[in-house]
Amino acid sequence: HCDLSGVTHIKINEISLNREHVYFTKCLRSQEPPASMELKGRAKNTLDVFFNWFGQEYLTGLNGVSCDMWQPFIDVVKARSHKAVLEFEKSHIV
């Protein structure tokens, strides 16, 4: 029961636990603690599952999506969130 109204940016990131990668999507809003959702796996359809859950109503309000430079995630973000600016993390660019 997460209030998604006002979400303008999301961040897709992975962390390593016991040599396994766990992927998180964080919904970032100003002046509120971020909500996060754990994604299982790093596949194109994994991110589609998140965007289906997130809903078209909220996708139209996204201004930015931050992720690494993994092509399947880039493809899904471009296909599902036409208005959002795609942002890459500095650590992946360097």
C-alpha atoms as a PDB file:
ATOM      1  CA  HIS A   1       0.000   0.000   0.000  1.00  0.00           C
ATOM      2  CA  CYS A   2       2.521   2.533  -1.215  1.00  0.00           C
ATOM      3  CA  ASP A   3       1.353   6.046  -2.043  1.00  0.00           C
ATOM      4  CA  LEU A   4       2.814   6.682  -5.494  1.00  0.00           C
ATOM      5  CA  SER A   5       1.246  10.087  -6.032  1.00  0.00           C
ATOM      6  CA  GLY A   6       3.911  12.697  -6.569  1.00  0.00           C
ATOM      7  CA  VAL A   7       6.643  10.245  -7.584  1.00  0.00           C
ATOM      8  CA  THR A   8       8.695  12.059 -10.190  1.00  0.00           C
ATOM      9  CA  HIS A   9      11.925  10.017 -10.251  1.00  0.00           C
ATOM     10  CA  ILE A  10      12.861   6.379  -9.803  1.00  0.00           C
ATOM     11  CA  LYS A  11      16.255   4.742  -9.394  1.00  0.00           C
ATOM     12  CA  ILE A  12      17.119   1.204 -10.444  1.00  0.00           C
ATOM     13  CA  ASN A  13      20.173  -0.086  -8.617  1.00  0.00           C
ATOM     14  CA  GLU A  14      21.760  -3.348  -7.577  1.00  0.00           C
ATOM     15  CA  ILE A  15      23.571  -4.414  -4.442  1.00  0.00           C
ATOM     16  CA  SER A  16      25.647  -7.502  -3.873  1.00  0.00           C
ATOM     17  CA  LEU A  17      24.658  -9.874  -1.076  1.00  0.00           C
ATOM     18  CA  ASN A  18      26.755 -13.014  -0.634  1.00  0.00           C
ATOM     19  CA  ARG A  19      28.109 -12.659  -4.173  1.00  0.00           C
ATOM     20  CA  GLU A  20      24.598 -12.488  -5.602  1.00  0.00           C
ATOM     21  CA  HIS A  21      23.159  -9.320  -7.060  1.00  0.00           C
ATOM     22  CA  VAL A  22      19.856  -8.047  -5.722  1.00  0.00           C
ATOM     23  CA  TYR A  23      18.165  -5.283  -7.693  1.00  0.00           C
ATOM     24  CA  PHE A  24      16.145  -2.516  -6.102  1.00  0.00           C
ATOM     25  CA  THR A  25      13.904   0.113  -7.592  1.00  0.00           C
ATOM     26  CA  LYS A  26      13.526   3.190  -5.445  1.00  0.00           C
ATOM     27  CA  CYS A  27      10.718   5.663  -5.879  1.00  0.00           C
ATOM     28  CA  LEU A  28      12.172   9.040  -5.009  1.00  0.00           C
ATOM     29  CA  ARG A  29      10.037  11.953  -3.906  1.00  0.00           C
ATOM     30  CA  SER A  30      10.988  15.276  -2.413  1.00  0.00           C
ATOM     31  CA  GLN A  31      10.602  15.634   1.362  1.00  0.00           C
ATOM     32  CA  GLU A  32       9.536  12.026   1.879  1.00  0.00           C
ATOM     33  CA  PRO A  33      11.501   8.884   2.644  1.00  0.00           C
ATOM     34  CA  PRO A  34      12.036   6.825  -0.508  1.00  0.00           C
ATOM     35  CA  ALA A  35      10.070   3.632  -0.996  1.00  0.00           C
ATOM     36  CA  SER A  36      11.860   0.643  -2.447  1.00  0.00           C
ATOM     37  CA  MET A  37      10.882  -2.572  -4.157  1.00  0.00           C
ATOM     38  CA  GLU A  38      13.131  -5.591  -4.597  1.00  0.00           C
ATOM     39  CA  LEU A  39      13.255  -6.995  -8.122  1.00  0.00           C
ATOM     40  CA  LYS A  40      14.172 -10.633  -8.715  1.00  0.00           C
ATOM     41  CA  GLY A  41      16.849 -10.996 -11.364  1.00  0.00           C
ATOM     42  CA  ARG A  42      18.297  -8.702 -13.975  1.00  0.00           C
ATOM     43  CA  ALA A  43      16.252  -9.319 -17.074  1.00  0.00           C
ATOM     44  CA  LYS A  44      14.226  -7.128 -19.379  1.00  0.00           C
ATOM     45  CA  ASN A  45      10.977  -8.696 -18.199  1.00  0.00           C
ATOM     46  CA  THR A  46      11.929  -8.015 -14.561  1.00  0.00           C
ATOM     47  CA  LEU A  47      11.722  -4.286 -15.175  1.00  0.00           C
ATOM     48  CA  ASP A  48       8.504  -4.766 -17.158  1.00  0.00           C
ATOM     49  CA  VAL A  49       6.998  -6.405 -14.061  1.00  0.00           C
ATOM     50  CA  PHE A  50       7.893  -3.303 -12.033  1.00  0.00           C
ATOM     51  CA  PHE A  51       6.422  -0.904 -14.598  1.00  0.00           C
ATOM     52  CA  ASN A  52       3.228  -2.992 -14.765  1.00  0.00           C
ATOM     53  CA  TRP A  53       2.937  -2.747 -10.977  1.00  0.00           C
ATOM     54  CA  PHE A  54       3.794   0.969 -11.030  1.00  0.00           C
ATOM     55  CA  GLY A  55       0.979   1.617 -13.502  1.00  0.00           C
ATOM     56  CA  GLN A  56       0.513   3.801 -16.564  1.00  0.00           C
ATOM     57  CA  GLU A  57      -1.046   6.585 -14.479  1.00  0.00           C
ATOM     58  CA  TYR A  58       2.204   7.073 -12.562  1.00  0.00           C
ATOM     59  CA  LEU A  59       4.499   6.418 -15.531  1.00  0.00           C
ATOM     60  CA  THR A  60       3.193   9.558 -17.221  1.00  0.00           C
ATOM     61  CA  GLY A  61       4.296  11.594 -14.184  1.00  0.00           C
ATOM     62  CA  LEU A  62       7.901  10.405 -14.210  1.00  0.00           C
ATOM     63  CA  ASN A  63      10.469  13.070 -15.036  1.00  0.00           C
ATOM     64  CA  GLY A  64      13.581  10.941 -14.594  1.00  0.00           C
ATOM     65  CA  VAL A  65      14.805   7.361 -14.313  1.00  0.00           C
ATOM     66  CA  SER A  66      18.298   6.607 -13.030  1.00  0.00           C
ATOM     67  CA  CYS A  67      19.982   3.286 -13.812  1.00  0.00           C
ATOM     68  CA  ASP A  68      23.231   1.749 -14.938  1.00  0.00           C
ATOM     69  CA  MET A  69      24.063   1.479 -18.632  1.00  0.00           C
ATOM     70  CA  TRP A  70      22.701  -2.055 -19.103  1.00  0.00           C
ATOM     71  CA  GLN A  71      20.982  -2.070 -22.512  1.00  0.00           C
ATOM     72  CA  PRO A  72      17.880  -4.135 -21.623  1.00  0.00           C
ATOM     73  CA  PHE A  73      17.000  -1.702 -18.799  1.00  0.00           C
ATOM     74  CA  ILE A  74      17.602   1.261 -21.139  1.00  0.00           C
ATOM     75  CA  ASP A  75      15.297  -0.288 -23.741  1.00  0.00           C
ATOM     76  CA  VAL A  76      12.482  -0.856 -21.228  1.00  0.00           C
ATOM     77  CA  VAL A  77      12.754   2.647 -19.748  1.00  0.00           C
ATOM     78  CA  LYS A  78      12.620   4.236 -23.214  1.00  0.00           C
ATOM     79  CA  ALA A  79       9.661   2.077 -24.272  1.00  0.00           C
ATOM     80  CA  ARG A  80       7.607   2.474 -21.099  1.00  0.00           C
ATOM     81  CA  SER A  81       8.351   6.011 -19.914  1.00  0.00           C
ATOM     82  CA  HIS A  82       8.527   8.298 -22.932  1.00  0.00           C
ATOM     83  CA  LYS A  83       8.680  11.593 -21.003  1.00  0.00           C
ATOM     84  CA  ALA A  84      11.295  10.650 -18.399  1.00  0.00           C
ATOM     85  CA  VAL A  85      14.918  11.661 -18.829  1.00  0.00           C
ATOM     86  CA  LEU A  86      17.238   8.663 -18.625  1.00  0.00           C
ATOM     87  CA  GLU A  87      20.059   9.335 -16.163  1.00  0.00           C
ATOM     88  CA  PHE A  88      23.191   7.238 -15.712  1.00  0.00           C
ATOM     89  CA  GLU A  89      25.039   6.960 -12.423  1.00  0.00           C
ATOM     90  CA  LYS A  90      28.501   8.537 -12.380  1.00  0.00           C
ATOM     91  CA  SER A  91      30.175   5.357 -11.147  1.00  0.00           C
ATOM     92  CA  HIS A  92      29.015   3.483 -14.259  1.00  0.00           C
ATOM     93  CA  ILE A  93      30.146   6.221 -16.615  1.00  0.00           C
ATOM     94  CA  VAL A  94      33.623   6.458 -15.081  1.00  0.00           C
END
